[in-house]
Amino acid sequence: MTNLVLLSLNMGDFWLKMGFQHLLDFNGYDHMLFLWMSFLTFTFAQYKRAFFQVTLFTLAHSLTLAISVLQWVPFSTAWIERFIALSIALSALLPLINAYIKPQTSWVSGALIFVFGLIHGMGFSGLLVSLLGHSQAINIPLLFFNVGLELGQLLFVVFILSLQSLLQRAKPEFTNTYIKSAAIIGLSLGIYLFVCRF
C-alpha cells in the first residue's frame, strides 16, 4: 500500500511539473499571450475581478481538458488550434475598441473568458494525450497536469499584474500607450497564428 502511494506521488510530481513547464516555456507561448491580452488592462487594484476571471478560465478549461482526454466528445485538433489563435486576437481587440464604445461589463468579459477557457482546455489536452500514449491510468496524470497548469497560469497572471501596477505608478501617462501598443501586437500575432494554422 505504501509503495502504491509513493508511486502515485512520484507520478503526480512528474505530471505537475509537465503542466507547469508547458505553460511557462515556449510551448505555451500562445496561452501566455492569451492571458496577457485578457488581463492587459488589469492592475492589483482589480485583483478580485482578475482572480475571479482566472477561476472561470480554470473551471472551463479543466472541464474540457477532462472531456477531451477521456475522449467523450470528438473534436478537430487543427480547428481548436485555430480557435485558440482567434481567442488571442479577440482578447487583444477588446482593449482597443473600448476606447470607442462602452466598455464591456464584468459578466460579458467573464462569459468570454469562460468560453475561451473551454477552447484552451481542448488545446491543452493534445499535449497530455500525446504524453500519455497508450496508458490506461489517466486520473493522476489528468489531475496533476491540470494543477501544474493552474500554478503556472496564476504565477504568470500575478507577474503581469505586478508589471502593470508598477508601470501605472511609475509612468501613469504611458499606461494608455502601453495598452494600445501591446493590444496591437497581440491582435497582429493572433491573426498571424490563425492564418498560419490553416
N, C-alpha and C. Protein backbone atom coordinates (compact mmCIF):
# COMPACT_ATOMS: atom_id res chain seq x y z
N MET A 1 0.83 -1.20 0.00
CA MET A 1 0.00 0.00 0.00
C MET A 1 0.87 1.26 0.00
N THR A 2 1.93 1.24 0.83
CA THR A 2 2.85 2.38 0.92
C THR A 2 3.55 2.60 -0.41
N ASN A 3 3.98 1.50 -1.05
CA ASN A 3 4.64 1.61 -2.35
C ASN A 3 3.71 2.21 -3.40
N LEU A 4 2.42 1.85 -3.33
CA LEU A 4 1.44 2.38 -4.28
C LEU A 4 1.26 3.88 -4.10
N VAL A 5 1.22 4.31 -2.83
CA VAL A 5 1.08 5.75 -2.54
C VAL A 5 2.30 6.51 -3.03
N LEU A 6 3.51 5.97 -2.77
CA LEU A 6 4.74 6.61 -3.22
C LEU A 6 4.81 6.69 -4.74
N LEU A 7 4.38 5.61 -5.41
CA LEU A 7 4.36 5.60 -6.87
C LEU A 7 3.41 6.67 -7.40
N SER A 8 2.24 6.79 -6.76
CA SER A 8 1.25 7.79 -7.17
C SER A 8 1.79 9.20 -6.99
N LEU A 9 2.49 9.42 -5.86
CA LEU A 9 3.06 10.75 -5.60
C LEU A 9 4.16 11.08 -6.59
N ASN A 10 5.00 10.10 -6.92
CA ASN A 10 6.07 10.32 -7.89
C ASN A 10 5.49 10.62 -9.28
N MET A 11 4.46 9.87 -9.64
CA MET A 11 3.80 10.09 -10.92
C MET A 11 3.14 11.48 -10.93
N GLY A 12 2.50 11.83 -9.80
CA GLY A 12 1.86 13.13 -9.69
C GLY A 12 2.85 14.26 -9.81
N ASP A 13 4.03 14.08 -9.19
CA ASP A 13 5.08 15.10 -9.26
C ASP A 13 5.53 15.32 -10.70
N PHE A 14 5.66 14.23 -11.45
CA PHE A 14 6.06 14.32 -12.86
C PHE A 14 5.05 15.12 -13.66
N TRP A 15 3.75 14.80 -13.51
CA TRP A 15 2.70 15.46 -14.30
C TRP A 15 2.49 16.90 -13.84
N LEU A 16 2.71 17.16 -12.55
CA LEU A 16 2.64 18.53 -12.05
C LEU A 16 3.69 19.40 -12.74
N LYS A 17 4.90 18.88 -12.83
CA LYS A 17 5.98 19.62 -13.50
C LYS A 17 5.69 19.79 -14.99
N MET A 18 5.14 18.75 -15.62
CA MET A 18 4.83 18.83 -17.04
C MET A 18 3.81 19.94 -17.33
N GLY A 19 2.76 20.00 -16.51
CA GLY A 19 1.74 21.03 -16.69
C GLY A 19 2.30 22.41 -16.45
N PHE A 20 3.09 22.55 -15.39
CA PHE A 20 3.69 23.84 -15.04
C PHE A 20 4.64 24.31 -16.14
N GLN A 21 5.52 23.42 -16.57
CA GLN A 21 6.52 23.78 -17.58
C GLN A 21 5.88 24.05 -18.93
N HIS A 22 4.82 23.33 -19.26
CA HIS A 22 4.18 23.53 -20.56
C HIS A 22 3.66 24.96 -20.69
N LEU A 23 3.09 25.49 -19.62
CA LEU A 23 2.54 26.83 -19.70
C LEU A 23 3.63 27.89 -19.72
N LEU A 24 4.70 27.68 -18.95
CA LEU A 24 5.69 28.74 -18.77
C LEU A 24 6.91 28.63 -19.67
N ASP A 25 6.99 27.62 -20.53
CA ASP A 25 8.08 27.63 -21.50
C ASP A 25 7.51 27.98 -22.87
N PHE A 26 8.34 27.92 -23.90
CA PHE A 26 7.92 28.39 -25.22
C PHE A 26 6.76 27.59 -25.78
N ASN A 27 6.60 26.34 -25.31
CA ASN A 27 5.50 25.51 -25.81
C ASN A 27 4.14 26.13 -25.51
N GLY A 28 4.08 26.91 -24.43
CA GLY A 28 2.81 27.51 -24.05
C GLY A 28 2.71 28.98 -24.39
N TYR A 29 3.49 29.44 -25.37
CA TYR A 29 3.53 30.88 -25.66
C TYR A 29 2.17 31.42 -26.08
N ASP A 30 1.38 30.62 -26.81
CA ASP A 30 0.08 31.14 -27.24
C ASP A 30 -0.88 31.29 -26.06
N HIS A 31 -0.77 30.40 -25.07
CA HIS A 31 -1.61 30.51 -23.89
C HIS A 31 -1.19 31.68 -23.01
N MET A 32 0.13 31.91 -22.91
CA MET A 32 0.61 33.07 -22.16
C MET A 32 0.20 34.36 -22.86
N LEU A 33 0.25 34.37 -24.19
CA LEU A 33 -0.18 35.54 -24.94
C LEU A 33 -1.66 35.82 -24.71
N PHE A 34 -2.47 34.77 -24.68
CA PHE A 34 -3.90 34.93 -24.41
C PHE A 34 -4.12 35.53 -23.02
N LEU A 35 -3.42 35.02 -22.01
CA LEU A 35 -3.58 35.54 -20.65
C LEU A 35 -3.14 36.99 -20.57
N TRP A 36 -2.06 37.33 -21.25
CA TRP A 36 -1.58 38.72 -21.26
C TRP A 36 -2.64 39.64 -21.85
N MET A 37 -3.21 39.24 -22.98
CA MET A 37 -4.23 40.07 -23.62
C MET A 37 -5.49 40.16 -22.76
N SER A 38 -5.85 39.06 -22.11
CA SER A 38 -7.07 39.03 -21.30
C SER A 38 -6.97 39.94 -20.07
N PHE A 39 -5.76 40.10 -19.54
CA PHE A 39 -5.56 40.90 -18.33
C PHE A 39 -4.69 42.13 -18.60
N LEU A 40 -4.72 42.58 -19.83
CA LEU A 40 -3.88 43.70 -20.26
C LEU A 40 -4.20 44.99 -19.51
N THR A 41 -5.45 45.22 -19.18
CA THR A 41 -5.85 46.48 -18.55
C THR A 41 -5.92 46.37 -17.02
N PHE A 42 -5.56 45.22 -16.47
CA PHE A 42 -5.69 44.99 -15.04
C PHE A 42 -4.43 45.39 -14.27
N THR A 43 -4.62 45.85 -13.04
CA THR A 43 -3.54 46.00 -12.07
C THR A 43 -4.02 45.31 -10.79
N PHE A 44 -3.21 45.37 -9.74
CA PHE A 44 -3.62 44.74 -8.50
C PHE A 44 -4.81 45.43 -7.85
N ALA A 45 -5.12 46.63 -8.30
CA ALA A 45 -6.32 47.31 -7.79
C ALA A 45 -7.58 46.54 -8.18
N GLN A 46 -7.52 45.79 -9.29
CA GLN A 46 -8.66 44.97 -9.74
C GLN A 46 -8.40 43.48 -9.50
N TYR A 47 -7.63 43.15 -8.45
CA TYR A 47 -7.22 41.76 -8.25
C TYR A 47 -8.41 40.83 -8.03
N LYS A 48 -9.47 41.31 -7.37
CA LYS A 48 -10.62 40.44 -7.13
C LYS A 48 -11.28 40.03 -8.44
N ARG A 49 -11.47 41.01 -9.33
CA ARG A 49 -12.07 40.70 -10.63
C ARG A 49 -11.14 39.82 -11.46
N ALA A 50 -9.83 40.11 -11.38
CA ALA A 50 -8.86 39.31 -12.14
C ALA A 50 -8.85 37.86 -11.67
N PHE A 51 -8.80 37.64 -10.36
CA PHE A 51 -8.76 36.28 -9.84
C PHE A 51 -10.07 35.55 -10.07
N PHE A 52 -11.19 36.28 -10.07
CA PHE A 52 -12.48 35.68 -10.39
C PHE A 52 -12.48 35.17 -11.83
N GLN A 53 -11.93 35.97 -12.74
CA GLN A 53 -11.90 35.57 -14.14
C GLN A 53 -10.90 34.44 -14.37
N VAL A 54 -9.80 34.45 -13.62
CA VAL A 54 -8.85 33.33 -13.70
C VAL A 54 -9.54 32.04 -13.26
N THR A 55 -10.35 32.14 -12.21
CA THR A 55 -11.09 30.97 -11.72
C THR A 55 -12.07 30.46 -12.77
N LEU A 56 -12.77 31.38 -13.44
CA LEU A 56 -13.69 30.99 -14.52
C LEU A 56 -12.94 30.27 -15.63
N PHE A 57 -11.79 30.82 -16.01
CA PHE A 57 -10.97 30.22 -17.06
C PHE A 57 -10.52 28.82 -16.63
N THR A 58 -10.12 28.70 -15.36
CA THR A 58 -9.68 27.42 -14.80
C THR A 58 -10.79 26.38 -14.86
N LEU A 59 -11.98 26.75 -14.39
CA LEU A 59 -13.11 25.84 -14.38
C LEU A 59 -13.44 25.37 -15.80
N ALA A 60 -13.43 26.33 -16.73
CA ALA A 60 -13.79 26.00 -18.11
C ALA A 60 -12.78 25.05 -18.74
N HIS A 61 -11.48 25.38 -18.64
CA HIS A 61 -10.54 24.52 -19.34
C HIS A 61 -10.27 23.22 -18.59
N SER A 62 -10.55 23.18 -17.27
CA SER A 62 -10.47 21.91 -16.55
C SER A 62 -11.55 20.96 -17.07
N LEU A 63 -12.72 21.51 -17.32
CA LEU A 63 -13.85 20.72 -17.82
C LEU A 63 -13.54 20.10 -19.18
N THR A 64 -13.12 20.93 -20.13
CA THR A 64 -12.88 20.39 -21.48
C THR A 64 -11.57 19.60 -21.56
N LEU A 65 -10.62 19.89 -20.66
CA LEU A 65 -9.41 19.08 -20.62
C LEU A 65 -9.77 17.64 -20.26
N ALA A 66 -10.62 17.49 -19.25
CA ALA A 66 -11.06 16.15 -18.83
C ALA A 66 -11.88 15.47 -19.92
N ILE A 67 -12.85 16.19 -20.47
CA ILE A 67 -13.71 15.62 -21.52
C ILE A 67 -12.89 15.19 -22.73
N SER A 68 -11.90 16.02 -23.09
CA SER A 68 -11.09 15.73 -24.28
C SER A 68 -10.17 14.53 -24.06
N VAL A 69 -9.52 14.50 -22.90
CA VAL A 69 -8.60 13.39 -22.62
C VAL A 69 -9.36 12.07 -22.52
N LEU A 70 -10.56 12.11 -21.94
CA LEU A 70 -11.37 10.90 -21.83
C LEU A 70 -12.06 10.54 -23.15
N GLN A 71 -11.93 11.44 -24.14
CA GLN A 71 -12.47 11.24 -25.50
C GLN A 71 -13.99 11.05 -25.49
N TRP A 72 -14.66 11.81 -24.64
CA TRP A 72 -16.11 11.75 -24.60
C TRP A 72 -16.74 12.52 -25.76
N VAL A 73 -16.04 13.56 -26.21
CA VAL A 73 -16.54 14.37 -27.33
C VAL A 73 -15.43 14.51 -28.36
N PRO A 74 -15.64 14.04 -29.58
CA PRO A 74 -14.60 14.17 -30.61
C PRO A 74 -14.49 15.62 -31.09
N PHE A 75 -13.27 16.04 -31.43
CA PHE A 75 -13.09 17.38 -31.97
C PHE A 75 -11.85 17.39 -32.85
N SER A 76 -11.76 18.42 -33.69
CA SER A 76 -10.62 18.57 -34.58
C SER A 76 -9.53 19.39 -33.91
N THR A 77 -8.36 18.79 -33.70
CA THR A 77 -7.24 19.49 -33.08
C THR A 77 -6.84 20.71 -33.90
N ALA A 78 -6.86 20.57 -35.22
CA ALA A 78 -6.47 21.68 -36.09
C ALA A 78 -7.39 22.88 -35.89
N TRP A 79 -8.69 22.62 -35.79
CA TRP A 79 -9.64 23.72 -35.60
C TRP A 79 -9.52 24.33 -34.21
N ILE A 80 -9.23 23.51 -33.21
CA ILE A 80 -9.05 24.03 -31.85
C ILE A 80 -7.86 24.99 -31.82
N GLU A 81 -6.77 24.61 -32.48
CA GLU A 81 -5.59 25.49 -32.53
C GLU A 81 -5.92 26.81 -33.23
N ARG A 82 -6.77 26.77 -34.25
CA ARG A 82 -7.19 27.99 -34.93
C ARG A 82 -8.06 28.85 -34.02
N PHE A 83 -8.95 28.20 -33.27
CA PHE A 83 -9.81 28.95 -32.35
C PHE A 83 -9.00 29.57 -31.21
N ILE A 84 -7.93 28.90 -30.79
CA ILE A 84 -7.06 29.48 -29.77
C ILE A 84 -6.42 30.75 -30.29
N ALA A 85 -5.94 30.71 -31.52
CA ALA A 85 -5.36 31.91 -32.14
C ALA A 85 -6.41 33.01 -32.24
N LEU A 86 -7.63 32.64 -32.59
CA LEU A 86 -8.71 33.62 -32.70
C LEU A 86 -9.05 34.21 -31.33
N SER A 87 -8.98 33.41 -30.27
CA SER A 87 -9.25 33.92 -28.93
C SER A 87 -8.22 34.96 -28.51
N ILE A 88 -6.97 34.78 -28.96
CA ILE A 88 -5.92 35.77 -28.69
C ILE A 88 -6.25 37.09 -29.39
N ALA A 89 -6.62 36.99 -30.66
CA ALA A 89 -6.94 38.19 -31.43
C ALA A 89 -8.14 38.93 -30.84
N LEU A 90 -9.19 38.20 -30.47
CA LEU A 90 -10.39 38.83 -29.91
C LEU A 90 -10.11 39.46 -28.54
N SER A 91 -9.31 38.78 -27.73
CA SER A 91 -8.96 39.33 -26.41
C SER A 91 -8.14 40.61 -26.55
N ALA A 92 -7.30 40.66 -27.57
CA ALA A 92 -6.50 41.86 -27.82
C ALA A 92 -7.34 42.99 -28.40
N LEU A 93 -8.39 42.62 -29.12
CA LEU A 93 -9.24 43.63 -29.76
C LEU A 93 -10.08 44.40 -28.74
N LEU A 94 -10.49 43.77 -27.66
CA LEU A 94 -11.36 44.41 -26.68
C LEU A 94 -10.79 45.70 -26.09
N PRO A 95 -9.51 45.72 -25.63
CA PRO A 95 -8.98 46.99 -25.11
C PRO A 95 -8.93 48.10 -26.17
N LEU A 96 -8.80 47.72 -27.43
CA LEU A 96 -8.74 48.72 -28.50
C LEU A 96 -10.12 49.32 -28.78
N ILE A 97 -11.16 48.49 -28.80
CA ILE A 97 -12.49 49.02 -29.12
C ILE A 97 -13.15 49.68 -27.91
N ASN A 98 -12.64 49.40 -26.71
CA ASN A 98 -13.20 50.03 -25.51
C ASN A 98 -13.00 51.54 -25.50
N ALA A 99 -12.04 52.00 -26.29
CA ALA A 99 -11.81 53.45 -26.38
C ALA A 99 -12.92 54.13 -27.18
N TYR A 100 -13.68 53.34 -27.96
CA TYR A 100 -14.69 53.92 -28.85
C TYR A 100 -16.12 53.51 -28.51
N ILE A 101 -16.26 52.43 -27.74
CA ILE A 101 -17.61 52.00 -27.34
C ILE A 101 -17.65 51.86 -25.84
N LYS A 102 -18.85 51.68 -25.29
CA LYS A 102 -18.99 51.49 -23.86
C LYS A 102 -18.25 50.22 -23.44
N PRO A 103 -17.35 50.31 -22.44
CA PRO A 103 -16.61 49.11 -22.01
C PRO A 103 -17.53 47.97 -21.62
N GLN A 104 -17.09 46.73 -21.90
CA GLN A 104 -17.93 45.58 -21.60
C GLN A 104 -18.08 45.42 -20.10
N THR A 105 -19.23 44.96 -19.68
CA THR A 105 -19.46 44.75 -18.26
C THR A 105 -18.72 43.50 -17.79
N SER A 106 -18.65 43.34 -16.46
CA SER A 106 -17.90 42.21 -15.89
C SER A 106 -18.46 40.87 -16.35
N TRP A 107 -19.80 40.76 -16.45
CA TRP A 107 -20.38 39.47 -16.81
C TRP A 107 -20.09 39.13 -18.26
N VAL A 108 -20.00 40.15 -19.12
CA VAL A 108 -19.68 39.89 -20.53
C VAL A 108 -18.23 39.39 -20.65
N SER A 109 -17.30 40.10 -20.02
CA SER A 109 -15.90 39.67 -20.09
C SER A 109 -15.71 38.32 -19.40
N GLY A 110 -16.47 38.08 -18.31
CA GLY A 110 -16.41 36.78 -17.64
C GLY A 110 -16.92 35.66 -18.52
N ALA A 111 -18.02 35.92 -19.24
CA ALA A 111 -18.58 34.92 -20.15
C ALA A 111 -17.60 34.61 -21.28
N LEU A 112 -16.95 35.65 -21.79
CA LEU A 112 -15.99 35.45 -22.88
C LEU A 112 -14.81 34.60 -22.42
N ILE A 113 -14.27 34.91 -21.24
CA ILE A 113 -13.10 34.16 -20.79
C ILE A 113 -13.47 32.72 -20.45
N PHE A 114 -14.73 32.49 -20.03
CA PHE A 114 -15.18 31.13 -19.78
C PHE A 114 -15.24 30.34 -21.10
N VAL A 115 -15.81 30.96 -22.14
CA VAL A 115 -15.89 30.30 -23.46
C VAL A 115 -14.49 30.03 -23.99
N PHE A 116 -13.61 31.02 -23.86
CA PHE A 116 -12.23 30.83 -24.34
C PHE A 116 -11.52 29.75 -23.53
N GLY A 117 -11.86 29.64 -22.23
CA GLY A 117 -11.28 28.59 -21.39
C GLY A 117 -11.67 27.20 -21.87
N LEU A 118 -12.92 27.05 -22.33
CA LEU A 118 -13.37 25.77 -22.88
C LEU A 118 -12.50 25.37 -24.08
N ILE A 119 -12.21 26.35 -24.93
CA ILE A 119 -11.40 26.09 -26.13
C ILE A 119 -9.97 25.74 -25.73
N HIS A 120 -9.39 26.51 -24.81
CA HIS A 120 -8.00 26.27 -24.41
C HIS A 120 -7.84 24.92 -23.72
N GLY A 121 -8.86 24.47 -23.00
CA GLY A 121 -8.78 23.16 -22.37
C GLY A 121 -8.60 22.05 -23.39
N MET A 122 -9.31 22.16 -24.51
CA MET A 122 -9.16 21.17 -25.58
C MET A 122 -7.78 21.27 -26.21
N GLY A 123 -7.22 22.48 -26.24
CA GLY A 123 -5.86 22.65 -26.76
C GLY A 123 -4.83 22.00 -25.86
N PHE A 124 -4.98 22.16 -24.54
CA PHE A 124 -4.06 21.54 -23.60
C PHE A 124 -4.11 20.01 -23.68
N SER A 125 -5.28 19.48 -24.01
CA SER A 125 -5.45 18.03 -24.00
C SER A 125 -4.57 17.34 -25.03
N GLY A 126 -4.27 18.03 -26.12
CA GLY A 126 -3.45 17.42 -27.16
C GLY A 126 -2.09 16.98 -26.64
N LEU A 127 -1.46 17.87 -25.86
CA LEU A 127 -0.16 17.53 -25.28
C LEU A 127 -0.29 16.39 -24.28
N LEU A 128 -1.30 16.47 -23.42
CA LEU A 128 -1.47 15.45 -22.39
C LEU A 128 -1.70 14.07 -23.01
N VAL A 129 -2.54 14.01 -24.03
CA VAL A 129 -2.81 12.73 -24.71
C VAL A 129 -1.55 12.18 -25.35
N SER A 130 -0.77 13.07 -25.99
CA SER A 130 0.46 12.60 -26.65
C SER A 130 1.47 12.08 -25.64
N LEU A 131 1.51 12.68 -24.44
CA LEU A 131 2.43 12.22 -23.41
C LEU A 131 1.97 10.92 -22.76
N LEU A 132 0.65 10.76 -22.64
CA LEU A 132 0.10 9.55 -22.03
C LEU A 132 0.31 8.32 -22.90
N GLY A 133 0.31 8.50 -24.21
CA GLY A 133 0.44 7.37 -25.11
C GLY A 133 -0.72 6.41 -24.96
N HIS A 134 -0.41 5.14 -24.73
CA HIS A 134 -1.47 4.11 -24.60
C HIS A 134 -1.80 3.79 -23.14
N SER A 135 -1.34 4.67 -22.24
CA SER A 135 -1.61 4.43 -20.82
C SER A 135 -3.11 4.45 -20.53
N GLN A 136 -3.54 3.54 -19.69
CA GLN A 136 -4.96 3.47 -19.32
C GLN A 136 -5.25 4.27 -18.05
N ALA A 137 -4.19 4.51 -17.24
CA ALA A 137 -4.35 5.24 -15.98
C ALA A 137 -4.23 6.74 -16.26
N ILE A 138 -5.36 7.42 -16.26
CA ILE A 138 -5.32 8.84 -16.61
C ILE A 138 -5.73 9.75 -15.46
N ASN A 139 -6.27 9.21 -14.38
CA ASN A 139 -6.78 10.06 -13.30
C ASN A 139 -5.69 10.91 -12.67
N ILE A 140 -4.59 10.29 -12.28
CA ILE A 140 -3.50 11.02 -11.64
C ILE A 140 -2.84 11.99 -12.63
N PRO A 141 -2.47 11.54 -13.85
CA PRO A 141 -1.90 12.50 -14.81
C PRO A 141 -2.83 13.69 -15.09
N LEU A 142 -4.11 13.43 -15.26
CA LEU A 142 -5.08 14.48 -15.56
C LEU A 142 -5.16 15.49 -14.42
N LEU A 143 -5.25 14.99 -13.19
CA LEU A 143 -5.35 15.87 -12.03
C LEU A 143 -4.10 16.73 -11.86
N PHE A 144 -2.94 16.08 -11.85
CA PHE A 144 -1.72 16.81 -11.56
C PHE A 144 -1.26 17.69 -12.72
N PHE A 145 -1.50 17.26 -13.95
CA PHE A 145 -1.18 18.11 -15.10
C PHE A 145 -2.00 19.40 -15.03
N ASN A 146 -3.28 19.26 -14.67
CA ASN A 146 -4.16 20.42 -14.56
C ASN A 146 -3.72 21.35 -13.42
N VAL A 147 -3.33 20.76 -12.29
CA VAL A 147 -2.85 21.57 -11.16
C VAL A 147 -1.57 22.31 -11.56
N GLY A 148 -0.68 21.63 -12.27
CA GLY A 148 0.54 22.28 -12.74
C GLY A 148 0.26 23.44 -13.68
N LEU A 149 -0.70 23.24 -14.58
CA LEU A 149 -1.12 24.32 -15.47
C LEU A 149 -1.63 25.52 -14.68
N GLU A 150 -2.44 25.25 -13.66
CA GLU A 150 -3.02 26.33 -12.87
C GLU A 150 -1.96 27.10 -12.11
N LEU A 151 -0.98 26.39 -11.55
CA LEU A 151 0.10 27.07 -10.83
C LEU A 151 0.88 27.97 -11.78
N GLY A 152 1.17 27.45 -12.97
CA GLY A 152 1.88 28.27 -13.96
C GLY A 152 1.06 29.46 -14.40
N GLN A 153 -0.23 29.23 -14.58
CA GLN A 153 -1.13 30.29 -15.02
C GLN A 153 -1.23 31.40 -13.97
N LEU A 154 -1.42 31.02 -12.71
CA LEU A 154 -1.52 32.00 -11.62
C LEU A 154 -0.23 32.79 -11.48
N LEU A 155 0.90 32.11 -11.58
CA LEU A 155 2.19 32.78 -11.48
C LEU A 155 2.34 33.81 -12.59
N PHE A 156 1.94 33.44 -13.80
CA PHE A 156 2.06 34.36 -14.93
C PHE A 156 1.13 35.56 -14.78
N VAL A 157 -0.11 35.33 -14.32
CA VAL A 157 -1.06 36.43 -14.15
C VAL A 157 -0.58 37.39 -13.06
N VAL A 158 -0.06 36.84 -11.95
CA VAL A 158 0.48 37.70 -10.89
C VAL A 158 1.65 38.53 -11.42
N PHE A 159 2.49 37.92 -12.25
CA PHE A 159 3.62 38.63 -12.87
C PHE A 159 3.13 39.79 -13.74
N ILE A 160 2.11 39.52 -14.56
CA ILE A 160 1.56 40.55 -15.45
C ILE A 160 0.94 41.70 -14.63
N LEU A 161 0.14 41.36 -13.62
CA LEU A 161 -0.48 42.38 -12.79
C LEU A 161 0.57 43.22 -12.05
N SER A 162 1.64 42.57 -11.61
CA SER A 162 2.72 43.28 -10.91
C SER A 162 3.38 44.30 -11.83
N LEU A 163 3.73 43.87 -13.05
CA LEU A 163 4.37 44.77 -14.00
C LEU A 163 3.47 45.95 -14.35
N GLN A 164 2.20 45.67 -14.58
CA GLN A 164 1.27 46.72 -14.99
C GLN A 164 0.97 47.68 -13.84
N SER A 165 0.98 47.17 -12.62
CA SER A 165 0.80 48.04 -11.45
C SER A 165 2.00 48.96 -11.28
N LEU A 166 3.20 48.40 -11.45
CA LEU A 166 4.42 49.22 -11.36
C LEU A 166 4.44 50.29 -12.43
N LEU A 167 4.04 49.91 -13.65
CA LEU A 167 4.01 50.87 -14.75
C LEU A 167 3.03 52.00 -14.46
N GLN A 168 1.85 51.65 -13.95
CA GLN A 168 0.84 52.68 -13.67
C GLN A 168 1.30 53.65 -12.59
N ARG A 169 2.06 53.14 -11.62
CA ARG A 169 2.55 54.01 -10.55
C ARG A 169 3.72 54.87 -11.02
N ALA A 170 4.63 54.25 -11.76
CA ALA A 170 5.84 54.97 -12.17
C ALA A 170 5.60 55.90 -13.36
N LYS A 171 4.84 55.43 -14.34
CA LYS A 171 4.60 56.21 -15.57
C LYS A 171 3.12 56.17 -15.94
N PRO A 172 2.26 56.80 -15.15
CA PRO A 172 0.82 56.72 -15.45
C PRO A 172 0.45 57.28 -16.82
N GLU A 173 1.22 58.25 -17.29
CA GLU A 173 0.93 58.85 -18.60
C GLU A 173 1.25 57.89 -19.75
N PHE A 174 2.02 56.85 -19.47
CA PHE A 174 2.42 55.89 -20.51
C PHE A 174 1.49 54.69 -20.56
N THR A 175 0.58 54.57 -19.58
CA THR A 175 -0.28 53.39 -19.46
C THR A 175 -1.12 53.15 -20.71
N ASN A 176 -1.79 54.19 -21.22
CA ASN A 176 -2.64 54.03 -22.41
C ASN A 176 -1.82 53.62 -23.63
N THR A 177 -0.64 54.19 -23.75
CA THR A 177 0.25 53.83 -24.87
C THR A 177 0.66 52.36 -24.78
N TYR A 178 0.98 51.94 -23.56
CA TYR A 178 1.36 50.54 -23.35
C TYR A 178 0.21 49.60 -23.72
N ILE A 179 -1.00 49.92 -23.25
CA ILE A 179 -2.16 49.06 -23.52
C ILE A 179 -2.44 48.96 -25.01
N LYS A 180 -2.45 50.11 -25.69
CA LYS A 180 -2.73 50.11 -27.13
C LYS A 180 -1.64 49.39 -27.92
N SER A 181 -0.38 49.64 -27.56
CA SER A 181 0.74 49.01 -28.28
C SER A 181 0.72 47.49 -28.08
N ALA A 182 0.53 47.06 -26.82
CA ALA A 182 0.51 45.63 -26.54
C ALA A 182 -0.68 44.96 -27.22
N ALA A 183 -1.85 45.65 -27.22
CA ALA A 183 -3.04 45.08 -27.86
C ALA A 183 -2.85 44.92 -29.36
N ILE A 184 -2.19 45.89 -29.98
CA ILE A 184 -1.92 45.80 -31.42
C ILE A 184 -0.98 44.62 -31.71
N ILE A 185 0.03 44.45 -30.85
CA ILE A 185 0.95 43.31 -31.00
C ILE A 185 0.18 42.00 -30.85
N GLY A 186 -0.66 41.92 -29.81
CA GLY A 186 -1.43 40.70 -29.58
C GLY A 186 -2.40 40.41 -30.70
N LEU A 187 -3.07 41.44 -31.18
CA LEU A 187 -4.02 41.27 -32.30
C LEU A 187 -3.30 40.78 -33.55
N SER A 188 -2.16 41.39 -33.84
CA SER A 188 -1.38 41.00 -35.02
C SER A 188 -0.90 39.55 -34.93
N LEU A 189 -0.38 39.17 -33.75
CA LEU A 189 0.10 37.80 -33.57
C LEU A 189 -1.05 36.80 -33.61
N GLY A 190 -2.19 37.18 -33.03
CA GLY A 190 -3.35 36.29 -33.07
C GLY A 190 -3.81 36.03 -34.49
N ILE A 191 -3.90 37.08 -35.27
CA ILE A 191 -4.31 36.93 -36.68
C ILE A 191 -3.27 36.12 -37.45
N TYR A 192 -2.00 36.41 -37.20
CA TYR A 192 -0.91 35.68 -37.86
C TYR A 192 -0.99 34.18 -37.56
N LEU A 193 -1.18 33.83 -36.27
CA LEU A 193 -1.27 32.43 -35.89
C LEU A 193 -2.51 31.77 -36.49
N PHE A 194 -3.61 32.53 -36.51
CA PHE A 194 -4.85 32.00 -37.09
C PHE A 194 -4.66 31.63 -38.56
N VAL A 195 -4.03 32.53 -39.31
CA VAL A 195 -3.78 32.29 -40.74
C VAL A 195 -2.80 31.14 -40.93
N CYS A 196 -1.72 31.13 -40.13
CA CYS A 196 -0.69 30.09 -40.28
C CYS A 196 -1.24 28.70 -39.98
N ARG A 197 -2.22 28.61 -39.10
CA ARG A 197 -2.74 27.31 -38.70
C ARG A 197 -3.73 26.74 -39.71
N PHE A 198 -3.93 27.45 -40.82
CA PHE A 198 -4.66 26.89 -41.94
C PHE A 198 -3.70 26.19 -42.89
